[in-house]
Amino acid sequence: MNSVYSDLPALLIAYNRPEKTRRALDSIWASGIKELYISIDGPKNNQQDRLLTNQVFKVIQENNSRFETLKVQIGKENLGCKQGCLQALNWFFSQVDFGIIVEDDVEISTSFVEFVSSIARLKDDAIWHVNGWSLFDIRNCQDAYVSTSYGHVWGWATWAKKWEKIKVEKSEIDQNLIRTPYLSGIWHSIDEWTDTWDYFWLLSIEASQGTIISPQTRLTTNFGFDSQATHKRLKSWKQDRSPIKVEFKVTPKHEPSLILDQLFDSLYLRDFRGLSILGIFSSLKFRSFCYLFGKIAVYFCYEKIVRVYLKLKSLLFPS
C-alpha cells in the first residue's frame, strides 16, 4: 500500500487472540502504515494460554513481509491489562516521538491515519490525545473536529512527550484538578484491584488541562465485544460499526466553539453513558444553555439531533 501518511509509526498491542490480531493487522496494513511495532503480553501459566500466544506470534510472522519496519517484543510472563499495556506503550514511545496505538480488537482506516497526520501538523501543544472512534456519524461535517473531555482508546494517537507525563497511581492524581463529573466518578472508582490503564491516562490529561481531539465521524471500529474481552462481555450496538471513509484533502477545519464542544460532550453522555435528557442540558454551562436555543439549527447535522430537540420540546411544552 502507498500513502503519503504511511511514515506514521503504529503500535499493535496483542495477547492471546490470533484471529482478532489478524484482522487488526489487515486493517493496519490496508491503512498504509509501513513502520509497525507489536507488543505481545506473555502467557498465563497454563497450556491453553501458551498455545494461543504462540498462534498470535505465528500470525505476526505470516505478515512480516507486509511492513518495511517491524519490531516485535514478546513478554516472558503475563503482566495483565494495566501493566502489560503500560509496558508496551513505554517501549513504543522510547523509540518514536509520535504514533498511532491499536489494540488487537480494533480496526483502523486510511481516513484515520490521514486525520491523525492532519492533527499532528497543527502543532498545537495543548493537544494530548487524538480519538479515532466517534459516537456520532455526522454527515456534511467530515472535515471538522471537536475538543472533548472524553477520550477513547479504540484506535488513537499521542506524542511521547505527552505519554511520559502519565500518572499511573491514584495517589499521584490531584482530585481537585478533575473537574469533569464523569471523570471524577472514574477517579473515585479506582482501587488497588483496578486492572486498566486508560483510566489513568484520561485522568492525567484532565489533571493537566490537556485537549482531546475527536473526529465528528467514526474512523475506527471496535469488534471485540465478546466472551474473549477483558472488560467488554456483552454484544453491543457499538460492535462492528465499520469506519466511514473520509477524504481529508486539507487540514481539518475547526472553528472554536464552546457550544459545539459542549453539545458533543453532552450527547456523548446521553448516548454512550446513558445520562438522562435533563442531565444532558444540566451538564451544559448556563451561558451556553441559554445560547443554545438560538444556535440549535447549526447542529442539525448531528446524528439524531432532531429527536433530542423534540424530546426537549415535549419536556418544556407538554401537550
Protein backbone atom coordinates (compact mmCIF):
# COMPACT_ATOMS: atom_id res chain seq x y z
CA MET A 1 0.00 0.00 0.00
CA ASN A 2 1.16 3.54 -0.76
CA SER A 3 0.13 6.54 1.28
CA VAL A 4 1.53 9.99 1.88
CA TYR A 5 0.77 9.34 5.55
CA SER A 6 2.48 5.96 5.78
CA ASP A 7 5.52 7.39 7.61
CA LEU A 8 3.47 7.41 10.80
CA PRO A 9 4.55 4.59 13.13
CA ALA A 10 1.95 2.41 14.83
CA LEU A 11 1.88 0.12 17.85
CA LEU A 12 -0.25 -3.03 17.95
CA ILE A 13 -0.91 -4.38 21.45
CA ALA A 14 -1.78 -8.08 21.36
CA TYR A 15 -2.15 -11.03 23.69
CA ASN A 16 -3.95 -14.33 23.06
CA ARG A 17 -6.47 -13.69 20.29
CA PRO A 18 -4.90 -14.81 16.98
CA GLU A 19 -7.88 -14.23 14.69
CA LYS A 20 -8.57 -10.77 16.08
CA THR A 21 -4.87 -9.96 15.78
CA ARG A 22 -5.01 -11.00 12.13
CA ARG A 23 -7.99 -8.72 11.50
CA ALA A 24 -6.30 -5.78 13.24
CA LEU A 25 -3.09 -6.39 11.27
CA ASP A 26 -5.01 -6.45 7.99
CA SER A 27 -6.51 -3.06 8.75
CA ILE A 28 -3.15 -1.57 9.76
CA TRP A 29 -1.56 -2.75 6.51
CA ALA A 30 -4.53 -1.57 4.44
CA SER A 31 -4.31 1.88 6.02
CA GLY A 32 -0.81 2.35 4.60
CA ILE A 33 1.27 2.00 7.78
CA LYS A 34 4.83 0.88 6.98
CA GLU A 35 6.52 1.11 10.40
CA LEU A 36 4.87 -1.22 12.91
CA TYR A 37 5.72 -2.15 16.49
CA ILE A 38 3.99 -5.12 18.09
CA SER A 39 3.93 -5.94 21.79
CA ILE A 40 2.55 -9.30 22.92
CA ASP A 41 1.85 -9.82 26.62
CA GLY A 42 3.23 -13.10 27.95
CA PRO A 43 1.02 -16.14 28.55
CA LYS A 44 -0.59 -17.04 31.83
CA ASN A 45 0.65 -20.18 33.50
CA ASN A 46 -1.44 -22.69 31.56
CA GLN A 47 -1.06 -24.65 28.35
CA GLN A 48 -4.06 -23.12 26.58
CA ASP A 49 -2.76 -19.58 27.01
CA ARG A 50 0.72 -20.57 25.83
CA LEU A 51 -0.82 -22.18 22.74
CA LEU A 52 -2.85 -19.07 21.91
CA THR A 53 0.04 -16.62 22.36
CA ASN A 54 2.17 -18.85 20.12
CA GLN A 55 -0.57 -18.69 17.49
CA VAL A 56 -0.56 -14.90 17.75
CA PHE A 57 3.19 -14.90 17.07
CA LYS A 58 2.66 -17.14 14.01
CA VAL A 59 0.07 -14.69 12.66
CA ILE A 60 2.65 -11.93 13.02
CA GLN A 61 5.29 -13.99 11.25
CA GLU A 62 2.88 -14.51 8.34
CA ASN A 63 2.57 -10.74 7.99
CA ASN A 64 6.27 -9.96 8.36
CA SER A 65 6.86 -9.02 4.71
CA ARG A 66 3.98 -6.53 4.59
CA PHE A 67 5.82 -3.84 6.55
CA GLU A 68 9.08 -2.07 5.82
CA THR A 69 9.91 -1.93 9.54
CA LEU A 70 8.54 -4.46 12.01
CA LYS A 71 9.69 -4.68 15.62
CA VAL A 72 8.20 -7.25 17.98
CA GLN A 73 8.55 -7.78 21.70
CA ILE A 74 7.09 -10.81 23.48
CA GLY A 75 6.64 -10.92 27.24
CA LYS A 76 8.00 -13.84 29.18
CA GLU A 77 5.18 -13.66 31.72
CA ASN A 78 1.69 -12.26 31.80
CA LEU A 79 1.61 -8.69 33.13
CA GLY A 80 -2.15 -8.20 32.81
CA CYS A 81 -4.18 -5.48 31.17
CA LYS A 82 -2.82 -2.46 33.05
CA GLN A 83 0.86 -3.30 33.38
CA GLY A 84 1.06 -5.09 30.03
CA CYS A 85 -0.32 -2.12 28.11
CA LEU A 86 1.74 0.40 30.07
CA GLN A 87 4.89 -1.58 29.35
CA ALA A 88 4.00 -1.78 25.63
CA LEU A 89 3.35 1.95 25.40
CA ASN A 90 6.54 2.83 27.30
CA TRP A 91 8.53 0.61 24.91
CA PHE A 92 6.89 2.20 21.85
CA PHE A 93 7.42 5.80 22.95
CA SER A 94 11.03 5.13 23.88
CA GLN A 95 11.59 4.73 20.12
CA VAL A 96 9.18 7.18 18.45
CA ASP A 97 8.11 10.77 19.07
CA PHE A 98 4.54 10.38 17.85
CA GLY A 99 2.44 7.42 16.87
CA ILE A 100 -0.82 5.53 16.50
CA ILE A 101 -1.90 2.89 19.02
CA VAL A 102 -4.14 -0.04 18.09
CA GLU A 103 -5.27 -2.92 20.27
CA ASP A 104 -5.96 -6.35 18.83
CA ASP A 105 -9.74 -5.88 18.69
CA VAL A 106 -9.66 -2.63 16.73
CA GLU A 107 -9.70 -1.88 13.01
CA ILE A 108 -8.33 1.40 11.72
CA SER A 109 -8.74 3.05 8.31
CA THR A 110 -6.80 5.16 5.87
CA SER A 111 -9.07 8.06 6.86
CA PHE A 112 -7.97 7.67 10.48
CA VAL A 113 -4.29 7.75 9.54
CA GLU A 114 -4.89 10.84 7.41
CA PHE A 115 -6.85 12.50 10.21
CA VAL A 116 -4.11 11.83 12.78
CA SER A 117 -1.47 13.19 10.42
CA SER A 118 -3.54 16.31 9.79
CA ILE A 119 -3.99 16.96 13.50
CA ALA A 120 -0.26 16.43 14.10
CA ARG A 121 0.51 19.10 11.52
CA LEU A 122 -1.41 21.65 13.59
CA LYS A 123 1.49 21.54 16.10
CA ASP A 124 -0.85 22.51 18.92
CA ASP A 125 0.94 21.72 22.18
CA ALA A 126 -2.36 21.70 24.09
CA ILE A 127 -3.44 18.51 22.31
CA TRP A 128 -2.70 15.33 24.24
CA HIS A 129 -4.86 12.69 22.60
CA VAL A 130 -6.44 12.12 19.17
CA ASN A 131 -9.51 9.87 19.06
CA GLY A 132 -10.17 7.61 16.10
CA TRP A 133 -13.63 6.45 17.16
CA SER A 134 -16.59 8.77 17.47
CA LEU A 135 -20.03 8.05 18.82
CA PHE A 136 -21.60 10.04 16.00
CA ASP A 137 -21.89 9.73 12.25
CA ILE A 138 -22.00 13.41 11.44
CA ARG A 139 -22.57 13.88 7.74
CA ASN A 140 -21.65 17.08 5.92
CA CYS A 141 -19.12 17.92 8.63
CA GLN A 142 -16.43 15.43 7.73
CA ASP A 143 -13.61 17.97 7.67
CA ALA A 144 -14.36 19.21 11.20
CA TYR A 145 -13.41 18.04 14.68
CA VAL A 146 -14.24 18.90 18.25
CA SER A 147 -12.39 19.33 21.51
CA THR A 148 -13.83 16.99 24.10
CA SER A 149 -13.29 15.74 27.63
CA TYR A 150 -13.86 12.12 26.58
CA GLY A 151 -11.08 10.06 25.09
CA HIS A 152 -11.35 6.63 23.50
CA VAL A 153 -8.60 4.07 23.06
CA TRP A 154 -10.26 2.26 20.15
CA GLY A 155 -7.53 3.46 17.81
CA TRP A 156 -5.87 6.67 18.99
CA ALA A 157 -2.66 8.67 18.82
CA THR A 158 -0.42 10.77 21.03
CA TRP A 159 3.09 12.13 21.47
CA ALA A 160 5.94 10.65 23.52
CA LYS A 161 6.34 13.96 25.37
CA LYS A 162 2.70 13.70 26.49
CA TRP A 163 2.79 10.00 27.30
CA GLU A 164 5.75 10.47 29.65
CA LYS A 165 3.52 12.66 31.85
CA ILE A 166 1.03 9.89 32.63
CA LYS A 167 0.30 9.24 36.30
CA VAL A 168 -0.18 5.53 36.90
CA GLU A 169 -1.26 5.63 40.55
CA LYS A 170 -4.36 7.23 42.02
CA SER A 171 -2.29 8.93 44.72
CA GLU A 172 -0.37 10.82 42.02
CA ILE A 173 -3.53 12.46 40.61
CA ASP A 174 -4.88 15.51 42.43
CA GLN A 175 -8.63 15.02 42.78
CA ASN A 176 -9.16 18.79 42.84
CA LEU A 177 -7.90 19.01 39.25
CA ILE A 178 -10.57 16.59 37.97
CA ARG A 179 -13.45 18.90 37.08
CA THR A 180 -15.49 16.75 34.68
CA PRO A 181 -18.14 14.86 36.72
CA TYR A 182 -17.82 11.63 34.72
CA LEU A 183 -14.03 11.57 35.11
CA SER A 184 -14.40 12.45 38.79
CA GLY A 185 -16.55 9.33 39.08
CA ILE A 186 -13.78 7.31 37.47
CA TRP A 187 -11.25 8.73 39.95
CA HIS A 188 -13.45 7.62 42.86
CA SER A 189 -13.97 4.15 41.34
CA ILE A 190 -10.25 3.32 41.14
CA ASP A 191 -8.94 0.95 43.79
CA GLU A 192 -5.96 -1.38 44.20
CA TRP A 193 -7.64 -4.02 42.02
CA THR A 194 -8.26 -1.73 39.04
CA ASP A 195 -6.60 -3.55 36.14
CA THR A 196 -6.87 -0.99 33.37
CA TRP A 197 -4.50 1.69 32.16
CA ASP A 198 -6.73 4.04 30.16
CA TYR A 199 -8.44 5.48 33.25
CA PHE A 200 -5.07 6.80 34.42
CA TRP A 201 -4.27 8.23 31.01
CA LEU A 202 -7.58 10.12 30.72
CA LEU A 203 -7.30 11.39 34.29
CA SER A 204 -3.74 12.55 33.62
CA ILE A 205 -4.98 14.54 30.62
CA GLU A 206 -7.78 16.09 32.66
CA ALA A 207 -5.46 16.98 35.55
CA SER A 208 -3.05 18.66 33.11
CA GLN A 209 -5.87 20.54 31.33
CA GLY A 210 -4.93 18.81 28.11
CA THR A 211 -7.08 18.74 24.99
CA ILE A 212 -8.62 15.63 23.42
CA ILE A 213 -9.50 15.88 19.73
CA SER A 214 -12.29 13.77 18.27
CA PRO A 215 -13.37 13.38 14.66
CA GLN A 216 -17.02 14.02 14.03
CA THR A 217 -17.48 10.60 12.46
CA ARG A 218 -16.02 7.19 13.32
CA LEU A 219 -12.72 6.40 11.61
CA THR A 220 -12.05 3.19 13.56
CA THR A 221 -14.16 0.37 14.95
CA ASN A 222 -14.02 -1.97 17.93
CA PHE A 223 -15.02 -5.55 17.15
CA GLY A 224 -14.06 -7.06 20.49
CA PHE A 225 -17.37 -7.22 22.34
CA ASP A 226 -17.47 -10.93 23.13
CA SER A 227 -16.50 -13.57 25.70
CA GLN A 228 -12.78 -13.10 24.96
CA ALA A 229 -12.81 -9.49 26.08
CA THR A 230 -11.30 -8.45 29.40
CA HIS A 231 -13.68 -5.56 30.08
CA LYS A 232 -16.40 -5.92 27.42
CA ARG A 233 -18.52 -9.04 27.76
CA LEU A 234 -21.85 -8.21 26.16
CA LYS A 235 -22.58 -7.84 22.48
CA SER A 236 -23.33 -4.19 21.86
CA TRP A 237 -24.63 -1.88 19.19
CA LYS A 238 -21.12 -0.42 19.18
CA GLN A 239 -19.67 -3.64 17.75
CA ASP A 240 -18.79 -3.94 14.08
CA ARG A 241 -19.79 -0.43 13.12
CA SER A 242 -17.37 -0.09 10.24
CA PRO A 243 -15.21 3.03 9.86
CA ILE A 244 -16.51 5.65 7.46
CA LYS A 245 -14.19 6.54 4.60
CA VAL A 246 -13.41 10.26 4.60
CA GLU A 247 -11.16 12.16 2.23
CA PHE A 248 -9.01 14.74 4.02
CA LYS A 249 -7.67 16.90 1.20
CA VAL A 250 -6.66 19.71 3.53
CA THR A 251 -6.00 20.11 7.21
CA PRO A 252 -9.29 19.52 9.06
CA LYS A 253 -11.10 22.76 9.74
CA HIS A 254 -12.25 23.72 13.21
CA GLU A 255 -13.89 26.94 14.31
CA PRO A 256 -13.53 27.03 18.11
CA SER A 257 -16.99 26.83 19.60
CA LEU A 258 -17.81 26.34 23.26
CA ILE A 259 -21.33 25.36 22.27
CA LEU A 260 -20.25 22.78 19.70
CA ASP A 261 -17.74 21.14 22.03
CA GLN A 262 -20.14 21.08 24.98
CA LEU A 263 -23.01 19.75 22.90
CA PHE A 264 -20.79 16.96 21.62
CA ASP A 265 -19.85 16.06 25.20
CA SER A 266 -23.47 16.20 26.33
CA LEU A 267 -24.69 13.96 23.52
CA TYR A 268 -21.84 11.59 24.31
CA LEU A 269 -23.08 11.35 27.91
CA ARG A 270 -26.59 10.64 26.66
CA ASP A 271 -25.85 8.01 24.02
CA PHE A 272 -22.72 6.37 25.40
CA ARG A 273 -23.05 6.77 29.17
CA GLY A 274 -26.85 6.78 29.50
CA LEU A 275 -27.36 10.23 31.03
CA SER A 276 -30.97 11.43 31.01
CA ILE A 277 -32.20 14.20 28.74
CA LEU A 278 -32.40 16.61 31.69
CA GLY A 279 -28.93 15.59 32.76
CA ILE A 280 -27.63 16.45 29.30
CA PHE A 281 -28.69 20.05 29.49
CA SER A 282 -27.76 20.46 33.15
CA SER A 283 -24.24 19.43 32.12
CA LEU A 284 -24.06 22.45 29.78
CA LYS A 285 -22.78 25.67 31.29
CA PHE A 286 -25.68 28.07 31.95
CA ARG A 287 -24.48 30.67 29.45
CA SER A 288 -24.13 28.04 26.76
CA PHE A 289 -27.52 26.57 27.64
CA CYS A 290 -29.23 29.93 27.03
CA TYR A 291 -27.34 30.48 23.79
CA LEU A 292 -28.15 27.00 22.54
CA PHE A 293 -31.72 27.81 21.51
CA GLY A 294 -30.56 30.49 19.08
CA LYS A 295 -27.99 28.18 17.52
CA ILE A 296 -29.74 24.82 17.51
CA ALA A 297 -30.15 24.78 13.71
CA VAL A 298 -26.37 24.77 13.31
CA TYR A 299 -26.21 21.32 14.83
CA PHE A 300 -28.88 19.61 12.77
CA CYS A 301 -26.08 17.69 11.07
CA TYR A 302 -25.64 15.75 14.30
CA GLU A 303 -27.00 12.25 14.30
CA LYS A 304 -30.42 12.13 15.98
CA ILE A 305 -30.34 15.81 16.95
CA VAL A 306 -33.94 16.23 15.81
CA ARG A 307 -35.05 13.53 18.24
CA VAL A 308 -33.20 15.31 21.06
CA TYR A 309 -34.85 18.61 20.18
CA LEU A 310 -38.32 17.05 20.09
CA LYS A 311 -37.78 15.41 23.46
CA LEU A 312 -36.68 18.72 24.94
CA LYS A 313 -39.70 20.45 23.42
CA SER A 314 -42.07 17.86 24.89
CA LEU A 315 -40.50 18.40 28.32
CA LEU A 316 -40.72 22.16 28.18
CA PHE A 317 -44.11 22.39 26.43
CA PRO A 318 -46.13 19.27 27.29
CA SER A 319 -49.34 18.94 25.27
